[in-house]
Amino acid sequence: MKHFKERISRAAVSLLVWKVCIMSPALAAESPALAGKLTLVPHHITATVENIDRAVAWYHDVLGFEIAERGERGPSKIRYAEMKIPGFGVGLVQFPGTTRPEKSERPTHPIWLHIVFAVPDIAAAKRTLEKRGVMLRAAEHDGQIAMLTFNDSEGNEIEIVPATP
């Protein structure tokens, strides 16, 4: 029986490795089923900020991002920080002389409007963010929180939605 269990276990591991290899982005082009399709995986988003120190502290203290890299680039001394959570990153860039524009109801030129994160328990996320002093706007549907929106330290909008199973 022990020998049989070891064979089944090895077969399961082999199947899992095969699935991961077939579904990996590097091998997607070789798979006829995925030919012509992009296999996109979220990586990071980058935002310009008025104050890099304030933004780094906010993303770390409020959302739990870790600092992966921080420094200056180029002759104009562009300050940057790469913030990470498992599976995703936020790049923060402060150009010399950056100031926050006047807040308007809607942007007057094409831009990304906000970043969206999903959480397994949106009510718990709401309580946590409120304890951290975040001013939240909540939308409900059928008595349940459908989404939370709020702004980071630089005025960029962030949205949180419930994770879908």
N, C-alpha and C. Protein backbone atom coordinates (compact mmCIF):
# COMPACT_ATOMS: atom_id res chain seq x y z
N MET A 1 0.82 -1.19 0.00
CA MET A 1 0.00 0.00 0.00
C MET A 1 0.88 1.26 0.00
N LYS A 2 1.97 1.23 0.80
CA LYS A 2 2.86 2.37 0.87
C LYS A 2 3.45 2.68 -0.51
N HIS A 3 3.85 1.64 -1.23
CA HIS A 3 4.42 1.81 -2.56
C HIS A 3 3.39 2.44 -3.53
N PHE A 4 2.14 2.01 -3.41
CA PHE A 4 1.06 2.54 -4.24
C PHE A 4 0.85 4.03 -3.96
N LYS A 5 0.84 4.42 -2.67
CA LYS A 5 0.66 5.83 -2.29
C LYS A 5 1.79 6.69 -2.83
N GLU A 6 3.02 6.16 -2.77
CA GLU A 6 4.16 6.92 -3.30
C GLU A 6 4.02 7.13 -4.81
N ARG A 7 3.55 6.11 -5.53
CA ARG A 7 3.35 6.24 -6.98
C ARG A 7 2.28 7.28 -7.29
N ILE A 8 1.16 7.22 -6.54
CA ILE A 8 0.07 8.19 -6.74
C ILE A 8 0.59 9.59 -6.43
N SER A 9 1.35 9.73 -5.35
CA SER A 9 1.89 11.04 -4.98
C SER A 9 2.82 11.57 -6.07
N ARG A 10 3.72 10.71 -6.59
CA ARG A 10 4.62 11.12 -7.66
C ARG A 10 3.85 11.49 -8.92
N ALA A 11 2.80 10.74 -9.21
CA ALA A 11 1.98 11.04 -10.39
C ALA A 11 1.28 12.38 -10.24
N ALA A 12 0.79 12.67 -9.04
CA ALA A 12 0.12 13.95 -8.79
C ALA A 12 1.10 15.10 -8.95
N VAL A 13 2.31 14.93 -8.41
CA VAL A 13 3.34 15.97 -8.55
C VAL A 13 3.70 16.16 -10.02
N SER A 14 3.86 15.05 -10.75
CA SER A 14 4.18 15.14 -12.17
C SER A 14 3.10 15.88 -12.94
N LEU A 15 1.83 15.57 -12.63
CA LEU A 15 0.72 16.25 -13.29
C LEU A 15 0.74 17.74 -12.98
N LEU A 16 0.98 18.08 -11.72
CA LEU A 16 1.04 19.49 -11.32
C LEU A 16 2.17 20.20 -12.05
N VAL A 17 3.35 19.61 -12.10
CA VAL A 17 4.48 20.22 -12.80
C VAL A 17 4.15 20.39 -14.28
N TRP A 18 3.52 19.38 -14.88
CA TRP A 18 3.14 19.46 -16.29
C TRP A 18 2.17 20.62 -16.51
N LYS A 19 1.15 20.77 -15.63
CA LYS A 19 0.18 21.86 -15.78
C LYS A 19 0.87 23.22 -15.66
N VAL A 20 1.76 23.36 -14.68
CA VAL A 20 2.45 24.64 -14.49
C VAL A 20 3.30 24.95 -15.71
N CYS A 21 4.01 23.96 -16.23
CA CYS A 21 4.86 24.20 -17.40
C CYS A 21 4.03 24.55 -18.62
N ILE A 22 2.93 23.86 -18.84
CA ILE A 22 2.09 24.13 -20.01
C ILE A 22 1.45 25.51 -19.90
N MET A 23 1.07 25.91 -18.72
CA MET A 23 0.36 27.17 -18.55
C MET A 23 1.30 28.35 -18.30
N SER A 24 2.60 28.11 -18.20
CA SER A 24 3.50 29.22 -17.94
C SER A 24 3.58 30.15 -19.15
N PRO A 25 3.75 31.46 -18.92
CA PRO A 25 3.84 32.40 -20.04
C PRO A 25 4.95 32.06 -21.02
N ALA A 26 6.07 31.53 -20.52
CA ALA A 26 7.19 31.22 -21.40
C ALA A 26 6.84 30.14 -22.40
N LEU A 27 5.97 29.23 -22.00
CA LEU A 27 5.62 28.13 -22.90
C LEU A 27 4.29 28.33 -23.60
N ALA A 28 3.60 29.42 -23.29
CA ALA A 28 2.27 29.65 -23.87
C ALA A 28 2.31 29.69 -25.39
N ALA A 29 3.37 30.27 -25.94
CA ALA A 29 3.46 30.38 -27.40
C ALA A 29 3.60 29.01 -28.06
N GLU A 30 4.11 28.02 -27.31
CA GLU A 30 4.28 26.69 -27.87
C GLU A 30 3.02 25.84 -27.76
N SER A 31 2.04 26.28 -26.99
CA SER A 31 0.82 25.52 -26.79
C SER A 31 -0.21 25.90 -27.86
N PRO A 32 -0.68 24.95 -28.68
CA PRO A 32 -1.67 25.27 -29.71
C PRO A 32 -2.95 25.88 -29.13
N ALA A 33 -3.34 25.46 -27.93
CA ALA A 33 -4.57 25.98 -27.33
C ALA A 33 -4.44 27.47 -26.99
N LEU A 34 -3.23 27.93 -26.74
CA LEU A 34 -3.03 29.32 -26.35
C LEU A 34 -2.42 30.16 -27.47
N ALA A 35 -2.24 29.58 -28.62
CA ALA A 35 -1.63 30.31 -29.74
C ALA A 35 -2.42 31.57 -30.06
N GLY A 36 -1.74 32.68 -30.18
CA GLY A 36 -2.37 33.95 -30.53
C GLY A 36 -3.00 34.67 -29.36
N LYS A 37 -2.97 34.09 -28.17
CA LYS A 37 -3.55 34.74 -26.99
C LYS A 37 -2.43 35.26 -26.09
N LEU A 38 -2.67 36.40 -25.52
CA LEU A 38 -1.72 36.93 -24.55
C LEU A 38 -1.98 36.26 -23.20
N THR A 39 -0.93 35.97 -22.50
CA THR A 39 -1.06 35.44 -21.15
C THR A 39 -0.55 36.53 -20.22
N LEU A 40 -1.41 37.50 -19.93
CA LEU A 40 -1.02 38.65 -19.13
C LEU A 40 -1.16 38.34 -17.65
N VAL A 41 -0.20 38.79 -16.89
CA VAL A 41 -0.21 38.66 -15.45
C VAL A 41 0.09 40.04 -14.88
N PRO A 42 -0.70 40.55 -13.94
CA PRO A 42 -0.40 41.87 -13.37
C PRO A 42 0.99 41.89 -12.76
N HIS A 43 1.71 42.98 -12.96
CA HIS A 43 3.06 43.11 -12.45
C HIS A 43 3.20 44.33 -11.55
N HIS A 44 2.98 45.53 -12.11
CA HIS A 44 3.03 46.74 -11.30
C HIS A 44 2.36 47.91 -12.03
N ILE A 45 2.16 48.96 -11.30
CA ILE A 45 1.65 50.21 -11.83
C ILE A 45 2.57 51.30 -11.29
N THR A 46 2.72 52.38 -12.02
CA THR A 46 3.60 53.47 -11.57
C THR A 46 2.80 54.76 -11.50
N ALA A 47 3.01 55.50 -10.44
CA ALA A 47 2.33 56.78 -10.24
C ALA A 47 3.36 57.86 -9.95
N THR A 48 3.10 59.05 -10.46
CA THR A 48 3.94 60.18 -10.07
C THR A 48 3.40 60.73 -8.75
N VAL A 49 4.30 61.25 -7.94
CA VAL A 49 3.92 61.76 -6.63
C VAL A 49 4.57 63.10 -6.39
N GLU A 50 3.96 63.88 -5.54
CA GLU A 50 4.51 65.18 -5.17
C GLU A 50 5.60 65.02 -4.10
N ASN A 51 5.41 64.06 -3.19
CA ASN A 51 6.34 63.88 -2.08
C ASN A 51 6.61 62.39 -1.91
N ILE A 52 7.77 61.93 -2.37
CA ILE A 52 8.10 60.50 -2.36
C ILE A 52 8.16 59.94 -0.95
N ASP A 53 8.69 60.70 -0.01
CA ASP A 53 8.79 60.21 1.37
C ASP A 53 7.41 59.97 1.97
N ARG A 54 6.52 60.91 1.77
CA ARG A 54 5.14 60.79 2.27
C ARG A 54 4.45 59.60 1.60
N ALA A 55 4.62 59.44 0.28
CA ALA A 55 3.96 58.36 -0.46
C ALA A 55 4.49 56.99 -0.03
N VAL A 56 5.81 56.86 0.13
CA VAL A 56 6.39 55.59 0.56
C VAL A 56 5.85 55.21 1.94
N ALA A 57 5.83 56.16 2.85
CA ALA A 57 5.31 55.89 4.19
C ALA A 57 3.85 55.46 4.12
N TRP A 58 3.05 56.13 3.29
CA TRP A 58 1.63 55.81 3.18
C TRP A 58 1.43 54.40 2.64
N TYR A 59 2.08 54.05 1.53
CA TYR A 59 1.90 52.72 0.95
C TYR A 59 2.40 51.62 1.89
N HIS A 60 3.44 51.92 2.67
CA HIS A 60 3.95 50.95 3.63
C HIS A 60 3.01 50.83 4.83
N ASP A 61 2.69 51.96 5.45
CA ASP A 61 1.93 51.94 6.70
C ASP A 61 0.45 51.62 6.51
N VAL A 62 -0.15 52.10 5.43
CA VAL A 62 -1.59 51.92 5.24
C VAL A 62 -1.92 50.64 4.50
N LEU A 63 -1.22 50.35 3.40
CA LEU A 63 -1.56 49.18 2.60
C LEU A 63 -0.61 47.99 2.80
N GLY A 64 0.48 48.18 3.52
CA GLY A 64 1.36 47.06 3.82
C GLY A 64 2.37 46.71 2.75
N PHE A 65 2.65 47.62 1.82
CA PHE A 65 3.67 47.38 0.80
C PHE A 65 5.05 47.45 1.45
N GLU A 66 5.97 46.66 0.94
CA GLU A 66 7.36 46.70 1.38
C GLU A 66 8.19 47.45 0.34
N ILE A 67 9.24 48.09 0.78
CA ILE A 67 10.14 48.80 -0.13
C ILE A 67 11.09 47.78 -0.75
N ALA A 68 11.02 47.61 -2.06
CA ALA A 68 11.92 46.69 -2.76
C ALA A 68 13.18 47.40 -3.23
N GLU A 69 13.03 48.67 -3.61
CA GLU A 69 14.16 49.45 -4.10
C GLU A 69 13.80 50.92 -3.98
N ARG A 70 14.82 51.74 -3.74
CA ARG A 70 14.58 53.17 -3.63
C ARG A 70 15.86 53.91 -4.01
N GLY A 71 15.71 55.06 -4.68
CA GLY A 71 16.90 55.81 -5.03
C GLY A 71 16.60 56.98 -5.95
N GLU A 72 17.65 57.39 -6.69
CA GLU A 72 17.56 58.47 -7.67
C GLU A 72 18.09 57.98 -8.99
N ARG A 73 17.51 58.51 -10.08
CA ARG A 73 17.96 58.13 -11.43
C ARG A 73 18.20 59.37 -12.27
N GLY A 74 19.18 59.25 -13.14
CA GLY A 74 19.41 60.28 -14.14
C GLY A 74 20.00 61.56 -13.62
N PRO A 75 20.42 62.40 -14.57
CA PRO A 75 21.05 63.68 -14.21
C PRO A 75 20.07 64.64 -13.53
N SER A 76 18.77 64.47 -13.77
CA SER A 76 17.81 65.38 -13.14
C SER A 76 17.37 64.88 -11.76
N LYS A 77 17.99 63.81 -11.29
CA LYS A 77 17.75 63.31 -9.92
C LYS A 77 16.28 62.95 -9.68
N ILE A 78 15.73 62.14 -10.57
CA ILE A 78 14.36 61.66 -10.39
C ILE A 78 14.37 60.67 -9.23
N ARG A 79 13.57 60.94 -8.21
CA ARG A 79 13.49 60.06 -7.05
C ARG A 79 12.44 58.98 -7.31
N TYR A 80 12.73 57.77 -6.88
CA TYR A 80 11.78 56.67 -7.12
C TYR A 80 11.78 55.70 -5.95
N ALA A 81 10.72 54.92 -5.88
CA ALA A 81 10.62 53.82 -4.92
C ALA A 81 9.79 52.72 -5.57
N GLU A 82 10.26 51.50 -5.45
CA GLU A 82 9.53 50.33 -5.92
C GLU A 82 8.95 49.65 -4.69
N MET A 83 7.62 49.65 -4.59
CA MET A 83 6.91 49.07 -3.46
C MET A 83 6.30 47.74 -3.90
N LYS A 84 6.33 46.71 -3.03
CA LYS A 84 5.87 45.39 -3.43
C LYS A 84 4.95 44.76 -2.39
N ILE A 85 3.97 44.04 -2.88
CA ILE A 85 3.21 43.06 -2.11
C ILE A 85 3.31 41.78 -2.93
N PRO A 86 2.97 40.63 -2.37
CA PRO A 86 3.08 39.40 -3.16
C PRO A 86 2.30 39.49 -4.48
N GLY A 87 3.01 39.34 -5.58
CA GLY A 87 2.39 39.31 -6.89
C GLY A 87 2.12 40.65 -7.55
N PHE A 88 2.48 41.77 -6.91
CA PHE A 88 2.17 43.06 -7.50
C PHE A 88 3.06 44.15 -6.91
N GLY A 89 3.29 45.19 -7.69
CA GLY A 89 4.10 46.30 -7.22
C GLY A 89 3.52 47.64 -7.60
N VAL A 90 3.90 48.65 -6.84
CA VAL A 90 3.56 50.04 -7.15
C VAL A 90 4.87 50.80 -7.24
N GLY A 91 5.11 51.40 -8.39
CA GLY A 91 6.27 52.26 -8.56
C GLY A 91 5.86 53.69 -8.25
N LEU A 92 6.64 54.38 -7.47
CA LEU A 92 6.38 55.78 -7.13
C LEU A 92 7.53 56.60 -7.68
N VAL A 93 7.21 57.67 -8.41
CA VAL A 93 8.23 58.50 -9.05
C VAL A 93 7.95 59.96 -8.72
N GLN A 94 9.00 60.65 -8.24
CA GLN A 94 8.89 62.08 -7.98
C GLN A 94 9.86 62.80 -8.90
N PHE A 95 9.28 63.51 -9.90
CA PHE A 95 10.09 64.33 -10.78
C PHE A 95 10.38 65.65 -10.08
N PRO A 96 11.55 66.25 -10.29
CA PRO A 96 11.83 67.54 -9.67
C PRO A 96 10.75 68.56 -10.02
N GLY A 97 10.27 69.25 -9.02
CA GLY A 97 9.26 70.29 -9.25
C GLY A 97 7.84 69.78 -9.38
N THR A 98 7.59 68.49 -9.15
CA THR A 98 6.24 67.95 -9.26
C THR A 98 5.33 68.57 -8.20
N THR A 99 4.18 69.03 -8.64
CA THR A 99 3.16 69.52 -7.72
C THR A 99 1.85 68.83 -8.05
N ARG A 100 1.02 68.72 -7.06
CA ARG A 100 -0.28 68.09 -7.23
C ARG A 100 -1.22 69.06 -7.95
N PRO A 101 -1.89 68.60 -9.02
CA PRO A 101 -2.80 69.51 -9.73
C PRO A 101 -4.06 69.76 -8.90
N GLU A 102 -4.74 70.82 -9.28
CA GLU A 102 -6.03 71.11 -8.64
C GLU A 102 -6.96 69.93 -8.86
N LYS A 103 -7.70 69.57 -7.84
CA LYS A 103 -8.65 68.46 -7.94
C LYS A 103 -9.86 68.92 -8.75
N SER A 104 -10.17 68.16 -9.81
CA SER A 104 -11.36 68.47 -10.59
C SER A 104 -12.30 67.28 -10.51
N GLU A 105 -13.53 67.51 -10.87
CA GLU A 105 -14.53 66.44 -10.80
C GLU A 105 -14.15 65.27 -11.70
N ARG A 106 -13.75 65.54 -12.91
CA ARG A 106 -13.34 64.51 -13.87
C ARG A 106 -12.10 65.01 -14.60
N PRO A 107 -11.20 64.08 -14.94
CA PRO A 107 -10.01 64.50 -15.69
C PRO A 107 -10.39 65.06 -17.06
N THR A 108 -9.58 65.97 -17.53
CA THR A 108 -9.86 66.58 -18.84
C THR A 108 -8.98 66.00 -19.94
N HIS A 109 -8.19 64.99 -19.60
CA HIS A 109 -7.38 64.31 -20.60
C HIS A 109 -7.33 62.82 -20.24
N PRO A 110 -7.04 61.94 -21.19
CA PRO A 110 -7.03 60.51 -20.91
C PRO A 110 -5.93 60.12 -19.91
N ILE A 111 -6.34 59.45 -18.84
CA ILE A 111 -5.41 58.93 -17.84
C ILE A 111 -6.03 57.67 -17.24
N TRP A 112 -5.22 56.89 -16.52
CA TRP A 112 -5.78 55.81 -15.71
C TRP A 112 -6.50 56.49 -14.55
N LEU A 113 -7.69 56.04 -14.25
CA LEU A 113 -8.44 56.68 -13.17
C LEU A 113 -8.07 56.19 -11.78
N HIS A 114 -7.90 54.88 -11.63
CA HIS A 114 -7.55 54.35 -10.32
C HIS A 114 -7.00 52.93 -10.43
N ILE A 115 -6.45 52.45 -9.34
CA ILE A 115 -5.98 51.08 -9.24
C ILE A 115 -7.00 50.34 -8.37
N VAL A 116 -7.22 49.06 -8.67
CA VAL A 116 -8.21 48.27 -7.94
C VAL A 116 -7.54 47.04 -7.35
N PHE A 117 -7.81 46.81 -6.06
CA PHE A 117 -7.35 45.62 -5.37
C PHE A 117 -8.58 44.82 -4.93
N ALA A 118 -8.45 43.51 -4.88
CA ALA A 118 -9.51 42.64 -4.37
C ALA A 118 -9.06 42.05 -3.04
N VAL A 119 -9.99 41.93 -2.12
CA VAL A 119 -9.70 41.35 -0.80
C VAL A 119 -10.73 40.27 -0.49
N PRO A 120 -10.34 39.26 0.30
CA PRO A 120 -11.29 38.20 0.63
C PRO A 120 -12.41 38.66 1.57
N ASP A 121 -12.14 39.66 2.41
CA ASP A 121 -13.14 40.13 3.37
C ASP A 121 -13.15 41.66 3.34
N ILE A 122 -14.07 42.22 2.56
CA ILE A 122 -14.08 43.67 2.37
C ILE A 122 -14.50 44.42 3.64
N ALA A 123 -15.36 43.80 4.46
CA ALA A 123 -15.76 44.43 5.72
C ALA A 123 -14.55 44.55 6.66
N ALA A 124 -13.72 43.52 6.72
CA ALA A 124 -12.52 43.56 7.55
C ALA A 124 -11.54 44.59 7.00
N ALA A 125 -11.41 44.68 5.68
CA ALA A 125 -10.54 45.68 5.07
C ALA A 125 -11.02 47.09 5.44
N LYS A 126 -12.33 47.29 5.42
CA LYS A 126 -12.91 48.59 5.77
C LYS A 126 -12.54 48.95 7.21
N ARG A 127 -12.71 48.01 8.13
CA ARG A 127 -12.38 48.27 9.54
C ARG A 127 -10.89 48.60 9.70
N THR A 128 -10.04 47.84 9.03
CA THR A 128 -8.59 48.06 9.12
C THR A 128 -8.20 49.43 8.59
N LEU A 129 -8.72 49.78 7.43
CA LEU A 129 -8.39 51.08 6.84
C LEU A 129 -8.91 52.23 7.68
N GLU A 130 -10.11 52.08 8.24
CA GLU A 130 -10.64 53.12 9.11
C GLU A 130 -9.76 53.31 10.35
N LYS A 131 -9.26 52.20 10.92
CA LYS A 131 -8.36 52.29 12.08
C LYS A 131 -7.06 53.00 11.72
N ARG A 132 -6.68 52.91 10.44
CA ARG A 132 -5.45 53.56 9.99
C ARG A 132 -5.69 54.99 9.53
N GLY A 133 -6.91 55.50 9.75
CA GLY A 133 -7.22 56.89 9.46
C GLY A 133 -7.57 57.20 8.02
N VAL A 134 -7.88 56.19 7.22
CA VAL A 134 -8.21 56.42 5.82
C VAL A 134 -9.66 56.88 5.70
N MET A 135 -9.88 57.94 4.94
CA MET A 135 -11.22 58.45 4.68
C MET A 135 -11.81 57.64 3.51
N LEU A 136 -12.76 56.78 3.83
CA LEU A 136 -13.32 55.86 2.84
C LEU A 136 -14.64 56.34 2.29
N ARG A 137 -14.89 55.96 1.04
CA ARG A 137 -16.21 56.10 0.42
C ARG A 137 -16.64 54.68 0.09
N ALA A 138 -17.79 54.28 0.64
CA ALA A 138 -18.25 52.91 0.44
C ALA A 138 -19.51 52.91 -0.42
N ALA A 139 -19.60 51.92 -1.30
CA ALA A 139 -20.81 51.70 -2.09
C ALA A 139 -21.35 50.34 -1.69
N GLU A 140 -22.65 50.29 -1.47
CA GLU A 140 -23.28 49.03 -1.06
C GLU A 140 -24.24 48.54 -2.13
N HIS A 141 -24.44 47.22 -2.13
CA HIS A 141 -25.40 46.58 -3.01
C HIS A 141 -26.06 45.47 -2.21
N ASP A 142 -27.37 45.52 -2.09
CA ASP A 142 -28.13 44.54 -1.31
C ASP A 142 -27.61 44.43 0.12
N GLY A 143 -27.27 45.56 0.73
CA GLY A 143 -26.83 45.58 2.11
C GLY A 143 -25.40 45.12 2.33
N GLN A 144 -24.67 44.81 1.27
CA GLN A 144 -23.28 44.37 1.38
C GLN A 144 -22.37 45.43 0.77
N ILE A 145 -21.17 45.56 1.31
CA ILE A 145 -20.20 46.49 0.74
C ILE A 145 -19.79 45.98 -0.63
N ALA A 146 -20.03 46.76 -1.66
CA ALA A 146 -19.67 46.38 -3.03
C ALA A 146 -18.28 46.89 -3.40
N MET A 147 -17.90 48.05 -2.85
CA MET A 147 -16.57 48.59 -3.11
C MET A 147 -16.27 49.71 -2.14
N LEU A 148 -14.98 49.90 -1.94
CA LEU A 148 -14.46 51.01 -1.14
C LEU A 148 -13.56 51.83 -2.06
N THR A 149 -13.65 53.13 -1.98
CA THR A 149 -12.71 53.98 -2.70
C THR A 149 -12.13 54.97 -1.71
N PHE A 150 -10.88 55.34 -1.96
CA PHE A 150 -10.18 56.30 -1.12
C PHE A 150 -8.98 56.82 -1.89
N ASN A 151 -8.30 57.80 -1.35
CA ASN A 151 -7.14 58.38 -2.02
C ASN A 151 -5.88 58.13 -1.21
N ASP A 152 -4.78 57.93 -1.94
CA ASP A 152 -3.50 57.79 -1.26
C ASP A 152 -3.02 59.17 -0.81
N SER A 153 -1.83 59.24 -0.26
CA SER A 153 -1.31 60.51 0.27
C SER A 153 -1.13 61.57 -0.80
N GLU A 154 -1.10 61.16 -2.08
CA GLU A 154 -0.87 62.08 -3.18
C GLU A 154 -2.13 62.42 -3.96
N GLY A 155 -3.26 61.88 -3.53
CA GLY A 155 -4.53 62.17 -4.20
C GLY A 155 -4.93 61.14 -5.24
N ASN A 156 -4.10 60.10 -5.48
CA ASN A 156 -4.45 59.06 -6.44
C ASN A 156 -5.54 58.16 -5.87
N GLU A 157 -6.55 57.86 -6.68
CA GLU A 157 -7.66 57.05 -6.19
C GLU A 157 -7.32 55.56 -6.19
N ILE A 158 -7.76 54.87 -5.15
CA ILE A 158 -7.61 53.43 -5.01
C ILE A 158 -8.99 52.87 -4.72
N GLU A 159 -9.27 51.71 -5.30
CA GLU A 159 -10.55 51.03 -5.09
C GLU A 159 -10.27 49.63 -4.55
N ILE A 160 -11.11 49.20 -3.63
CA ILE A 160 -11.03 47.83 -3.12
C ILE A 160 -12.39 47.18 -3.35
N VAL A 161 -12.37 45.97 -3.90
CA VAL A 161 -13.59 45.21 -4.17
C VAL A 161 -13.47 43.84 -3.52
N PRO A 162 -14.60 43.17 -3.31
CA PRO A 162 -14.51 41.80 -2.78
C PRO A 162 -13.91 40.86 -3.82
N ALA A 163 -13.08 39.95 -3.37
CA ALA A 163 -12.50 38.95 -4.27
C ALA A 163 -13.61 38.02 -4.75
N THR A 164 -13.53 37.63 -6.00
CA THR A 164 -14.51 36.68 -6.51
C THR A 164 -13.92 35.27 -6.39
N PRO A 165 -14.78 34.32 -6.00
CA PRO A 165 -14.27 32.95 -5.80
C PRO A 165 -13.81 32.31 -7.08
